[in-house]
Amino acid sequence: MSNFLKKINLNLIILLLLLSQFIIFFFNSSTERATFNYRSDSLEKFTTMILGEKGVDVITADKMIKIKDDKTLLIGNTSLKNNEYEISSKNVTVDSQNKITSSSHKTQTINDQGTLKSEGFEYDQNKDIIKFKGESEFYSNEN
């Protein structure tokens, strides 16, 4: 082979290597941009305080997952507490559009009158009414 053909082959190999590096860089860059723009819609060991009409409401859960802008799941052990009562349950759904918080799991509600255990609950914030689901037992503090 002549020197001219060797130079062309060497230049062609270098050009192919540079082109392959450019392609790798281009595809990796878009992946990194997508990673930085990714928004996580869940939080572990979630706790928040909200100023409500009846004082400060404290909400805790093992994990919070935002399903939509108006629907949130509180996964695992969940506690909803204010100055009047504390509701403890599991896997609570919060529908902020309809202002309904509910769970179909065993629930314990404690207030100054006693303790109520039920198979679930539904709290309608518009009507300020808590409905207890399934069989419920009330234990009075007067004993």
N, C-alpha and C. Protein backbone atom coordinates (compact mmCIF):
# COMPACT_ATOMS: atom_id res chain seq x y z
N MET A 1 0.81 -1.17 0.00
CA MET A 1 0.00 0.00 0.00
C MET A 1 0.87 1.24 0.00
N SER A 2 0.37 2.20 -0.67
CA SER A 2 1.15 3.44 -0.75
C SER A 2 0.92 4.27 0.52
N ASN A 3 1.78 5.21 0.73
CA ASN A 3 1.67 6.10 1.89
C ASN A 3 0.39 6.91 1.84
N PHE A 4 -0.03 7.24 0.64
CA PHE A 4 -1.25 8.02 0.48
C PHE A 4 -2.47 7.24 0.99
N LEU A 5 -2.58 5.94 0.65
CA LEU A 5 -3.70 5.11 1.10
C LEU A 5 -3.64 4.88 2.61
N LYS A 6 -2.44 4.75 3.16
CA LYS A 6 -2.31 4.58 4.61
C LYS A 6 -2.81 5.82 5.35
N LYS A 7 -2.50 7.01 4.83
CA LYS A 7 -2.95 8.24 5.46
C LYS A 7 -4.47 8.36 5.39
N ILE A 8 -5.07 7.97 4.26
CA ILE A 8 -6.52 8.03 4.10
C ILE A 8 -7.19 7.06 5.07
N ASN A 9 -6.67 5.84 5.19
CA ASN A 9 -7.25 4.85 6.10
C ASN A 9 -7.14 5.31 7.56
N LEU A 10 -5.99 5.88 7.93
CA LEU A 10 -5.80 6.37 9.28
C LEU A 10 -6.75 7.54 9.57
N ASN A 11 -6.89 8.46 8.62
CA ASN A 11 -7.81 9.58 8.78
C ASN A 11 -9.26 9.10 8.87
N LEU A 12 -9.60 8.10 8.09
CA LEU A 12 -10.95 7.54 8.11
C LEU A 12 -11.25 6.87 9.46
N ILE A 13 -10.30 6.17 10.04
CA ILE A 13 -10.47 5.54 11.35
C ILE A 13 -10.64 6.61 12.43
N ILE A 14 -9.82 7.66 12.37
CA ILE A 14 -9.93 8.74 13.35
C ILE A 14 -11.29 9.43 13.22
N LEU A 15 -11.74 9.66 12.01
CA LEU A 15 -13.03 10.29 11.78
C LEU A 15 -14.17 9.42 12.33
N LEU A 16 -14.11 8.12 12.12
CA LEU A 16 -15.13 7.21 12.64
C LEU A 16 -15.14 7.19 14.17
N LEU A 17 -13.98 7.22 14.78
CA LEU A 17 -13.89 7.25 16.24
C LEU A 17 -14.48 8.55 16.80
N LEU A 18 -14.16 9.68 16.17
CA LEU A 18 -14.72 10.95 16.62
C LEU A 18 -16.24 10.98 16.44
N LEU A 19 -16.70 10.45 15.33
CA LEU A 19 -18.14 10.39 15.08
C LEU A 19 -18.85 9.51 16.11
N SER A 20 -18.25 8.38 16.45
CA SER A 20 -18.86 7.50 17.45
C SER A 20 -18.88 8.17 18.82
N GLN A 21 -17.84 8.91 19.19
CA GLN A 21 -17.83 9.64 20.46
C GLN A 21 -18.91 10.73 20.47
N PHE A 22 -19.08 11.40 19.36
CA PHE A 22 -20.11 12.43 19.27
C PHE A 22 -21.50 11.81 19.46
N ILE A 23 -21.76 10.66 18.84
CA ILE A 23 -23.06 9.99 18.96
C ILE A 23 -23.29 9.56 20.41
N ILE A 24 -22.27 8.99 21.05
CA ILE A 24 -22.40 8.58 22.45
C ILE A 24 -22.67 9.79 23.33
N PHE A 25 -21.96 10.87 23.14
CA PHE A 25 -22.16 12.09 23.93
C PHE A 25 -23.57 12.64 23.73
N PHE A 26 -24.04 12.65 22.50
CA PHE A 26 -25.37 13.19 22.19
C PHE A 26 -26.46 12.40 22.90
N PHE A 27 -26.41 11.06 22.82
CA PHE A 27 -27.45 10.25 23.45
C PHE A 27 -27.36 10.29 24.97
N ASN A 28 -26.19 10.34 25.54
CA ASN A 28 -26.05 10.42 27.00
C ASN A 28 -26.51 11.77 27.53
N SER A 29 -26.29 12.82 26.81
CA SER A 29 -26.69 14.16 27.26
C SER A 29 -28.19 14.27 27.39
N SER A 30 -28.95 13.73 26.46
CA SER A 30 -30.41 13.82 26.54
C SER A 30 -30.94 13.01 27.72
N THR A 31 -30.31 11.89 28.03
CA THR A 31 -30.71 11.10 29.18
C THR A 31 -30.46 11.87 30.47
N GLU A 32 -29.33 12.55 30.57
CA GLU A 32 -29.03 13.32 31.77
C GLU A 32 -30.01 14.48 31.92
N ARG A 33 -30.36 15.14 30.83
CA ARG A 33 -31.32 16.23 30.91
C ARG A 33 -32.68 15.71 31.40
N ALA A 34 -33.09 14.57 30.90
CA ALA A 34 -34.36 14.00 31.32
C ALA A 34 -34.32 13.62 32.80
N THR A 35 -33.18 13.16 33.27
CA THR A 35 -33.04 12.80 34.68
C THR A 35 -33.16 14.02 35.56
N PHE A 36 -32.56 15.13 35.19
CA PHE A 36 -32.65 16.35 35.99
C PHE A 36 -34.05 16.93 35.98
N ASN A 37 -34.80 16.72 34.91
CA ASN A 37 -36.16 17.25 34.82
C ASN A 37 -37.19 16.33 35.47
N TYR A 38 -36.80 15.12 35.89
CA TYR A 38 -37.73 14.17 36.49
C TYR A 38 -38.19 14.69 37.85
N ARG A 39 -39.48 14.66 38.09
CA ARG A 39 -40.04 15.13 39.36
C ARG A 39 -40.62 13.94 40.12
N SER A 40 -40.10 13.69 41.27
CA SER A 40 -40.60 12.60 42.09
C SER A 40 -41.92 13.02 42.73
N ASP A 41 -42.90 12.13 42.71
CA ASP A 41 -44.20 12.43 43.28
C ASP A 41 -44.45 11.62 44.55
N SER A 42 -43.38 11.27 45.28
CA SER A 42 -43.55 10.55 46.53
C SER A 42 -42.51 10.99 47.55
N LEU A 43 -42.88 10.86 48.81
CA LEU A 43 -41.99 11.21 49.91
C LEU A 43 -42.04 10.11 50.95
N GLU A 44 -40.88 9.71 51.47
CA GLU A 44 -40.80 8.75 52.56
C GLU A 44 -40.90 9.50 53.88
N LYS A 45 -41.47 8.87 54.90
CA LYS A 45 -41.60 9.43 56.25
C LYS A 45 -42.15 10.86 56.18
N PHE A 46 -43.32 10.98 55.60
CA PHE A 46 -43.97 12.26 55.34
C PHE A 46 -44.59 12.83 56.61
N THR A 47 -44.35 14.10 56.89
CA THR A 47 -44.98 14.82 58.00
C THR A 47 -45.25 16.25 57.55
N THR A 48 -46.45 16.76 57.86
CA THR A 48 -46.76 18.15 57.54
C THR A 48 -47.69 18.71 58.61
N MET A 49 -47.68 20.01 58.74
CA MET A 49 -48.58 20.72 59.65
C MET A 49 -49.39 21.71 58.83
N ILE A 50 -50.72 21.70 59.05
CA ILE A 50 -51.62 22.57 58.31
C ILE A 50 -52.45 23.36 59.31
N LEU A 51 -52.54 24.66 59.13
CA LEU A 51 -53.38 25.49 59.99
C LEU A 51 -54.82 25.35 59.53
N GLY A 52 -55.66 24.74 60.37
CA GLY A 52 -57.06 24.54 60.05
C GLY A 52 -57.94 25.40 60.93
N GLU A 53 -59.25 25.24 60.76
CA GLU A 53 -60.22 26.01 61.54
C GLU A 53 -60.18 25.64 63.02
N LYS A 54 -59.78 24.40 63.31
CA LYS A 54 -59.78 23.90 64.69
C LYS A 54 -58.36 23.85 65.26
N GLY A 55 -57.49 24.66 64.77
CA GLY A 55 -56.11 24.66 65.25
C GLY A 55 -55.17 24.07 64.21
N VAL A 56 -54.06 23.56 64.68
CA VAL A 56 -53.04 23.01 63.78
C VAL A 56 -53.32 21.53 63.57
N ASP A 57 -53.39 21.10 62.32
CA ASP A 57 -53.53 19.69 61.96
C ASP A 57 -52.14 19.15 61.63
N VAL A 58 -51.79 18.01 62.24
CA VAL A 58 -50.51 17.36 61.96
C VAL A 58 -50.81 16.05 61.24
N ILE A 59 -50.22 15.87 60.06
CA ILE A 59 -50.44 14.68 59.26
C ILE A 59 -49.10 13.98 59.10
N THR A 60 -49.05 12.69 59.45
CA THR A 60 -47.84 11.90 59.27
C THR A 60 -48.19 10.61 58.55
N ALA A 61 -47.25 10.09 57.78
CA ALA A 61 -47.43 8.82 57.07
C ALA A 61 -46.07 8.23 56.75
N ASP A 62 -46.05 6.90 56.58
CA ASP A 62 -44.80 6.24 56.19
C ASP A 62 -44.35 6.71 54.82
N LYS A 63 -45.33 6.94 53.92
CA LYS A 63 -45.00 7.39 52.57
C LYS A 63 -46.18 8.15 51.99
N MET A 64 -45.90 9.25 51.28
CA MET A 64 -46.94 10.01 50.61
C MET A 64 -46.70 9.89 49.10
N ILE A 65 -47.75 9.56 48.37
CA ILE A 65 -47.67 9.47 46.90
C ILE A 65 -48.74 10.37 46.31
N LYS A 66 -48.32 11.31 45.49
CA LYS A 66 -49.28 12.19 44.82
C LYS A 66 -49.69 11.54 43.51
N ILE A 67 -50.96 11.16 43.40
CA ILE A 67 -51.48 10.49 42.20
C ILE A 67 -51.81 11.52 41.13
N LYS A 68 -52.58 12.53 41.49
CA LYS A 68 -52.95 13.64 40.62
C LYS A 68 -52.82 14.91 41.44
N ASP A 69 -53.10 16.05 40.84
CA ASP A 69 -53.05 17.30 41.58
C ASP A 69 -54.04 17.32 42.74
N ASP A 70 -55.16 16.58 42.61
CA ASP A 70 -56.19 16.62 43.64
C ASP A 70 -56.34 15.30 44.40
N LYS A 71 -55.45 14.32 44.17
CA LYS A 71 -55.57 13.03 44.85
C LYS A 71 -54.20 12.57 45.36
N THR A 72 -54.15 12.24 46.66
CA THR A 72 -52.91 11.84 47.32
C THR A 72 -53.17 10.58 48.13
N LEU A 73 -52.18 9.67 48.14
CA LEU A 73 -52.25 8.47 48.97
C LEU A 73 -51.23 8.58 50.09
N LEU A 74 -51.66 8.29 51.30
CA LEU A 74 -50.76 8.23 52.44
C LEU A 74 -50.61 6.75 52.77
N ILE A 75 -49.47 6.18 52.43
CA ILE A 75 -49.24 4.73 52.50
C ILE A 75 -48.65 4.36 53.86
N GLY A 76 -49.05 3.19 54.36
CA GLY A 76 -48.52 2.68 55.63
C GLY A 76 -49.24 3.31 56.80
N ASN A 77 -48.58 3.31 57.95
CA ASN A 77 -49.17 3.90 59.16
C ASN A 77 -49.35 5.40 58.96
N THR A 78 -50.58 5.85 59.18
CA THR A 78 -50.92 7.25 58.96
C THR A 78 -51.63 7.80 60.19
N SER A 79 -51.31 9.04 60.53
CA SER A 79 -51.94 9.70 61.67
C SER A 79 -52.40 11.09 61.26
N LEU A 80 -53.65 11.40 61.60
CA LEU A 80 -54.23 12.72 61.37
C LEU A 80 -54.61 13.27 62.75
N LYS A 81 -53.96 14.32 63.17
CA LYS A 81 -54.13 14.79 64.55
C LYS A 81 -54.38 16.29 64.58
N ASN A 82 -55.36 16.69 65.43
CA ASN A 82 -55.57 18.12 65.70
C ASN A 82 -55.91 18.27 67.18
N ASN A 83 -56.39 19.44 67.59
CA ASN A 83 -56.68 19.69 69.00
C ASN A 83 -57.86 18.88 69.53
N GLU A 84 -58.74 18.39 68.64
CA GLU A 84 -59.95 17.69 69.07
C GLU A 84 -59.84 16.17 69.04
N TYR A 85 -59.06 15.61 68.12
CA TYR A 85 -59.00 14.16 67.96
C TYR A 85 -57.72 13.75 67.24
N GLU A 86 -57.45 12.43 67.28
CA GLU A 86 -56.37 11.84 66.48
C GLU A 86 -56.91 10.58 65.83
N ILE A 87 -56.78 10.50 64.51
CA ILE A 87 -57.20 9.34 63.74
C ILE A 87 -55.94 8.62 63.27
N SER A 88 -55.84 7.32 63.60
CA SER A 88 -54.71 6.50 63.15
C SER A 88 -55.26 5.38 62.28
N SER A 89 -54.68 5.21 61.09
CA SER A 89 -55.13 4.19 60.17
C SER A 89 -53.99 3.82 59.23
N LYS A 90 -54.30 3.09 58.17
CA LYS A 90 -53.31 2.73 57.16
C LYS A 90 -53.88 3.05 55.79
N ASN A 91 -53.00 3.38 54.88
CA ASN A 91 -53.35 3.60 53.47
C ASN A 91 -54.56 4.52 53.31
N VAL A 92 -54.35 5.78 53.62
CA VAL A 92 -55.39 6.79 53.60
C VAL A 92 -55.38 7.52 52.26
N THR A 93 -56.55 7.76 51.70
CA THR A 93 -56.70 8.51 50.46
C THR A 93 -57.20 9.91 50.78
N VAL A 94 -56.54 10.91 50.20
CA VAL A 94 -56.93 12.30 50.39
C VAL A 94 -57.39 12.86 49.04
N ASP A 95 -58.66 13.20 48.93
CA ASP A 95 -59.23 13.79 47.72
C ASP A 95 -59.45 15.27 48.02
N SER A 96 -58.49 16.11 47.61
CA SER A 96 -58.56 17.53 47.95
C SER A 96 -59.61 18.29 47.15
N GLN A 97 -60.01 17.77 46.00
CA GLN A 97 -61.05 18.44 45.21
C GLN A 97 -62.42 18.31 45.91
N ASN A 98 -62.76 17.09 46.35
CA ASN A 98 -64.03 16.86 47.03
C ASN A 98 -63.90 17.02 48.55
N LYS A 99 -62.70 17.26 49.03
CA LYS A 99 -62.39 17.44 50.46
C LYS A 99 -62.85 16.25 51.28
N ILE A 100 -62.46 15.04 50.82
CA ILE A 100 -62.79 13.80 51.53
C ILE A 100 -61.50 13.03 51.79
N THR A 101 -61.32 12.63 53.05
CA THR A 101 -60.19 11.81 53.45
C THR A 101 -60.76 10.49 53.95
N SER A 102 -60.20 9.34 53.47
CA SER A 102 -60.81 8.07 53.85
C SER A 102 -59.79 6.94 53.86
N SER A 103 -60.20 5.85 54.54
CA SER A 103 -59.41 4.62 54.58
C SER A 103 -60.36 3.45 54.78
N SER A 104 -60.02 2.31 54.22
CA SER A 104 -60.81 1.08 54.39
C SER A 104 -60.07 0.10 55.29
N HIS A 105 -59.12 0.58 56.05
CA HIS A 105 -58.33 -0.27 56.95
C HIS A 105 -58.70 0.05 58.40
N LYS A 106 -58.31 -0.85 59.29
CA LYS A 106 -58.60 -0.65 60.72
C LYS A 106 -58.17 0.74 61.16
N THR A 107 -59.07 1.39 61.88
CA THR A 107 -58.87 2.78 62.28
C THR A 107 -59.11 2.92 63.78
N GLN A 108 -58.30 3.76 64.40
CA GLN A 108 -58.49 4.09 65.81
C GLN A 108 -58.59 5.60 65.92
N THR A 109 -59.66 6.06 66.55
CA THR A 109 -59.88 7.49 66.75
C THR A 109 -59.94 7.77 68.24
N ILE A 110 -59.12 8.71 68.68
CA ILE A 110 -59.07 9.06 70.10
C ILE A 110 -59.44 10.54 70.25
N ASN A 111 -60.36 10.82 71.22
CA ASN A 111 -60.66 12.21 71.57
C ASN A 111 -60.86 12.27 73.08
N ASP A 112 -61.32 13.40 73.59
CA ASP A 112 -61.44 13.54 75.04
C ASP A 112 -62.58 12.70 75.63
N GLN A 113 -63.47 12.17 74.81
CA GLN A 113 -64.56 11.33 75.29
C GLN A 113 -64.17 9.86 75.38
N GLY A 114 -63.22 9.43 74.53
CA GLY A 114 -62.82 8.03 74.54
C GLY A 114 -62.12 7.61 73.26
N THR A 115 -62.12 6.29 73.02
CA THR A 115 -61.46 5.70 71.86
C THR A 115 -62.47 4.92 71.05
N LEU A 116 -62.47 5.13 69.74
CA LEU A 116 -63.35 4.40 68.84
C LEU A 116 -62.49 3.60 67.87
N LYS A 117 -62.77 2.30 67.77
CA LYS A 117 -62.08 1.44 66.81
C LYS A 117 -63.08 1.01 65.76
N SER A 118 -62.67 1.13 64.48
CA SER A 118 -63.58 0.79 63.38
C SER A 118 -62.79 0.11 62.26
N GLU A 119 -63.51 -0.29 61.22
CA GLU A 119 -62.89 -0.95 60.07
C GLU A 119 -62.51 0.05 58.98
N GLY A 120 -62.65 1.32 59.24
CA GLY A 120 -62.29 2.36 58.29
C GLY A 120 -63.01 3.65 58.64
N PHE A 121 -62.74 4.69 57.86
CA PHE A 121 -63.39 5.97 58.12
C PHE A 121 -63.48 6.78 56.85
N GLU A 122 -64.34 7.80 56.89
CA GLU A 122 -64.44 8.78 55.82
C GLU A 122 -64.72 10.13 56.47
N TYR A 123 -63.84 11.08 56.22
CA TYR A 123 -63.99 12.42 56.80
C TYR A 123 -64.34 13.39 55.68
N ASP A 124 -65.52 13.99 55.77
CA ASP A 124 -65.98 14.99 54.81
C ASP A 124 -65.70 16.37 55.40
N GLN A 125 -64.71 17.07 54.86
CA GLN A 125 -64.33 18.37 55.40
C GLN A 125 -65.40 19.43 55.16
N ASN A 126 -66.15 19.33 54.07
CA ASN A 126 -67.20 20.30 53.80
C ASN A 126 -68.29 20.27 54.87
N LYS A 127 -68.68 19.06 55.29
CA LYS A 127 -69.74 18.90 56.30
C LYS A 127 -69.17 18.76 57.71
N ASP A 128 -67.84 18.62 57.82
CA ASP A 128 -67.16 18.41 59.11
C ASP A 128 -67.73 17.19 59.84
N ILE A 129 -67.89 16.09 59.08
CA ILE A 129 -68.46 14.85 59.63
C ILE A 129 -67.49 13.70 59.36
N ILE A 130 -67.25 12.89 60.40
CA ILE A 130 -66.46 11.67 60.26
C ILE A 130 -67.43 10.50 60.32
N LYS A 131 -67.43 9.67 59.27
CA LYS A 131 -68.24 8.46 59.23
C LYS A 131 -67.31 7.27 59.43
N PHE A 132 -67.68 6.38 60.33
CA PHE A 132 -66.86 5.20 60.58
C PHE A 132 -67.46 4.01 59.85
N LYS A 133 -66.62 3.22 59.20
CA LYS A 133 -67.07 2.12 58.36
C LYS A 133 -67.02 0.80 59.13
N GLY A 134 -67.96 -0.09 58.78
CA GLY A 134 -67.95 -1.45 59.34
C GLY A 134 -68.28 -1.47 60.82
N GLU A 135 -67.93 -2.59 61.46
CA GLU A 135 -68.17 -2.73 62.89
C GLU A 135 -67.28 -1.74 63.64
N SER A 136 -67.87 -1.07 64.62
CA SER A 136 -67.14 -0.08 65.40
C SER A 136 -67.37 -0.33 66.88
N GLU A 137 -66.34 -0.09 67.67
CA GLU A 137 -66.41 -0.24 69.12
C GLU A 137 -65.94 1.06 69.75
N PHE A 138 -66.71 1.52 70.76
CA PHE A 138 -66.34 2.75 71.46
C PHE A 138 -66.02 2.42 72.92
N TYR A 139 -64.89 2.93 73.37
CA TYR A 139 -64.45 2.75 74.76
C TYR A 139 -64.41 4.13 75.41
N SER A 140 -65.26 4.32 76.40
CA SER A 140 -65.39 5.61 77.05
C SER A 140 -64.23 5.86 78.02
N ASN A 141 -63.86 7.13 78.18
CA ASN A 141 -62.82 7.50 79.15
C ASN A 141 -63.39 7.58 80.57
N GLU A 142 -64.72 7.44 80.74
CA GLU A 142 -65.36 7.58 82.05
C GLU A 142 -65.13 6.38 82.95
N ASN A 143 -64.64 5.29 82.45
CA ASN A 143 -64.47 4.06 83.27
C ASN A 143 -63.42 4.23 84.30
